C-alpha atoms as a PDB file:
ATOM      1  CA  ALA A   1      -2.179  21.357   1.865  1.00  0.00           C
ATOM      2  CA  CYS A   2      -3.187  18.661   3.432  1.00  0.00           C
ATOM      3  CA  THR A   3      -2.077  15.441   1.845  1.00  0.00           C
ATOM      4  CA  ASN A   4      -4.354  12.123   1.926  1.00  0.00           C
ATOM      5  CA  TYR A   5      -3.184   8.611   0.375  1.00  0.00           C
ATOM      6  CA  GLU A   6      -5.775   5.872  -0.632  1.00  0.00           C
ATOM      7  CA  ILE A   7      -3.305   2.351  -0.131  1.00  0.00           C
ATOM      8  CA  SER A   8      -4.697  -0.669  -1.888  1.00  0.00           C
ATOM      9  CA  ILE A   9      -3.505  -3.887  -3.497  1.00  0.00           C
ATOM     10  CA  ALA A  10      -3.087  -4.732  -6.807  1.00  0.00           C
ATOM     11  CA  TYR A  11      -0.839  -7.392  -9.627  1.00  0.00           C
ATOM     12  CA  LYS A  12       0.425  -8.250 -13.134  1.00  0.00           C
ATOM     13  CA  ASN A  13      -1.423  -9.736 -15.797  1.00  0.00           C
ATOM     14  CA  SER A  14       0.013 -11.700 -18.251  1.00  0.00           C
ATOM     15  CA  GLN A  15       0.611  -8.801 -20.454  1.00  0.00           C
ATOM     16  CA  ASN A  16       2.235  -6.902 -17.518  1.00  0.00           C
ATOM     17  CA  GLU A  17      -0.508  -3.966 -16.621  1.00  0.00           C
ATOM     18  CA  PHE A  18      -1.914  -3.445 -13.163  1.00  0.00           C
ATOM     19  CA  VAL A  19      -5.473  -4.949 -12.073  1.00  0.00           C
ATOM     20  CA  ASP A  20      -7.063  -3.242  -8.687  1.00  0.00           C
ATOM     21  CA  ILE A  21      -8.028  -6.313  -6.946  1.00  0.00           C
ATOM     22  CA  LEU A  22     -11.890  -5.245  -5.714  1.00  0.00           C
ATOM     23  CA  ASN A  23     -12.392  -4.527  -2.236  1.00  0.00           C
ATOM     24  CA  SER A  24      -8.296  -4.474  -1.494  1.00  0.00           C
ATOM     25  CA  THR A  25      -8.839  -0.668  -0.157  1.00  0.00           C
ATOM     26  CA  LEU A  26      -6.302  -1.212   2.953  1.00  0.00           C
ATOM     27  CA  GLN A  27      -8.172   0.151   6.382  1.00  0.00           C
ATOM     28  CA  LEU A  28      -5.702   3.269   8.760  1.00  0.00           C
ATOM     29  CA  LYS A  29      -5.859   2.855  11.880  1.00  0.00           C
ATOM     30  CA  PRO A  30      -5.893   6.212  13.282  1.00  0.00           C
ATOM     31  CA  GLU A  31      -3.399   6.534  15.330  1.00  0.00           C
ATOM     32  CA  LEU A  32      -0.044   7.641  14.599  1.00  0.00           C
ATOM     33  CA  GLN A  33       2.724   6.380  16.108  1.00  0.00           C
ATOM     34  CA  THR A  34       6.577   7.205  16.175  1.00  0.00           C
ATOM     35  CA  ILE A  35       9.261   4.779  15.934  1.00  0.00           C
ATOM     36  CA  ASN A  36      12.873   6.747  15.962  1.00  0.00           C
ATOM     37  CA  GLY A  37      11.115   9.568  15.266  1.00  0.00           C
ATOM     38  CA  ARG A  38       9.712   8.746  12.149  1.00  0.00           C
ATOM     39  CA  ASP A  39       6.277   9.562  12.153  1.00  0.00           C
ATOM     40  CA  PHE A  40       3.716   6.489  11.019  1.00  0.00           C
ATOM     41  CA  PHE A  41       0.228   5.316   9.510  1.00  0.00           C
ATOM     42  CA  GLU A  42      -0.276   1.781  10.739  1.00  0.00           C
ATOM     43  CA  TYR A  43      -2.799   0.224   7.761  1.00  0.00           C
ATOM     44  CA  GLN A  44      -4.216  -3.599   8.536  1.00  0.00           C
ATOM     45  CA  PHE A  45      -4.798  -6.019   6.094  1.00  0.00           C
ATOM     46  CA  SER A  46      -8.456  -7.961   6.426  1.00  0.00           C
ATOM     47  CA  LYS A  47      -8.100 -10.678   3.915  1.00  0.00           C
ATOM     48  CA  MET A  48      -4.965 -12.793   2.126  1.00  0.00           C
ATOM     49  CA  TYR A  49      -4.107 -13.019  -1.012  1.00  0.00           C
ATOM     50  CA  ASN A  50      -2.228 -15.700  -1.107  1.00  0.00           C
ATOM     51  CA  GLU A  51      -4.425 -16.286  -4.442  1.00  0.00           C
ATOM     52  CA  TYR A  52      -2.329 -13.204  -5.763  1.00  0.00           C
ATOM     53  CA  SER A  53       0.939 -13.694  -7.468  1.00  0.00           C
ATOM     54  CA  ASN A  54       3.520 -10.262  -8.363  1.00  0.00           C
ATOM     55  CA  LEU A  55       1.330  -8.466  -5.689  1.00  0.00           C
ATOM     56  CA  TYR A  56       1.324  -4.761  -5.428  1.00  0.00           C
ATOM     57  CA  ILE A  57       0.640  -1.887  -3.309  1.00  0.00           C
ATOM     58  CA  LYS A  58      -1.024   0.554  -4.753  1.00  0.00           C
ATOM     59  CA  VAL A  59      -0.570   4.038  -3.708  1.00  0.00           C
ATOM     60  CA  GLN A  60      -2.548   7.724  -4.930  1.00  0.00           C
ATOM     61  CA  SER A  61      -2.896  10.965  -3.323  1.00  0.00           C
ATOM     62  CA  TYR A  62      -5.343  13.020  -3.095  1.00  0.00           C
ATOM     63  CA  ARG A  63      -5.139  16.349  -2.152  1.00  0.00           C
ATOM     64  CA  LYS A  64      -7.644  18.870  -1.327  1.00  0.00           C
ATOM     65  CA  GLY A  65     -10.206  16.118  -1.904  1.00  0.00           C
ATOM     66  CA  CYS A  66      -8.276  15.609  -5.699  1.00  0.00           C
ATOM     67  CA  LEU A  67      -6.740  13.502  -7.922  1.00  0.00           C
ATOM     68  CA  PHE A  68      -2.723  14.342  -7.077  1.00  0.00           C
ATOM     69  CA  GLY A  69      -0.212  12.996  -8.891  1.00  0.00           C
ATOM     70  CA  ASP A  70       0.817   9.774 -10.868  1.00  0.00           C
ATOM     71  CA  THR A  71      -0.229   6.171  -9.125  1.00  0.00           C
ATOM     72  CA  GLN A  72       2.639   4.432  -7.375  1.00  0.00           C
ATOM     73  CA  TYR A  73       3.135   0.888  -7.230  1.00  0.00           C
ATOM     74  CA  PHE A  74       5.556  -1.106  -4.784  1.00  0.00           C
ATOM     75  CA  SER A  75       6.424  -4.584  -5.321  1.00  0.00           C
ATOM     76  CA  ILE A  76       5.348  -6.572  -2.336  1.00  0.00           C
ATOM     77  CA  ASN A  77       7.784 -10.203  -2.073  1.00  0.00           C
ATOM     78  CA  LEU A  78       7.561 -12.762  -0.056  1.00  0.00           C
ATOM     79  CA  GLN A  79       9.768 -15.732   0.795  1.00  0.00           C
ATOM     80  CA  ASN A  80       9.179 -19.121   2.104  1.00  0.00           C
ATOM     81  CA  CYS A  81       6.242 -18.178   4.098  1.00  0.00           C
ATOM     82  CA  ASN A  82       2.863 -20.310   3.428  1.00  0.00           C
ATOM     83  CA  ASN A  83      -0.509 -18.275   4.051  1.00  0.00           C
ATOM     84  CA  ALA A  84       1.597 -15.395   5.516  1.00  0.00           C
ATOM     85  CA  ILE A  85       0.324 -11.661   5.635  1.00  0.00           C
ATOM     86  CA  VAL A  86       3.780  -9.213   5.127  1.00  0.00           C
ATOM     87  CA  ASN A  87       3.074  -5.886   6.544  1.00  0.00           C
ATOM     88  CA  PRO A  88       5.232  -3.478   4.087  1.00  0.00           C
ATOM     89  CA  VAL A  89       6.343   0.287   5.262  1.00  0.00           C
ATOM     90  CA  ILE A  90       5.532   3.153   3.583  1.00  0.00           C
ATOM     91  CA  ARG A  91       7.782   6.640   3.332  1.00  0.00           C
ATOM     92  CA  THR A  92       6.683   9.136   2.572  1.00  0.00           C
ATOM     93  CA  THR A  93       9.350  11.286   3.623  1.00  0.00           C
ATOM     94  CA  THR A  94      13.107  10.542   2.351  1.00  0.00           C
ATOM     95  CA  ASN A  95      16.210  12.009   4.503  1.00  0.00           C
ATOM     96  CA  LYS A  96      18.295  14.633   2.247  1.00  0.00           C
END
């Protein structure tokens, strides 16, 4: 089965709920990169998100065009960065 991922940005509001940031879907660069024997796809940010706090990468999985599994949120932590873009690496496999 072919699995696809939609990657976007969200934040947590004062009620501790995840809120999607409109038009924040990250565009996948088509080249697959191999670093230290591991395959990576690269996503490119098109905007700075410094007006938000509590940022999260939102990952939705699709299999055969249908939503598959639960939406996952990964915290983005910025430390000592003003107007910086941080590109976290999202692994889709685990080591045994």
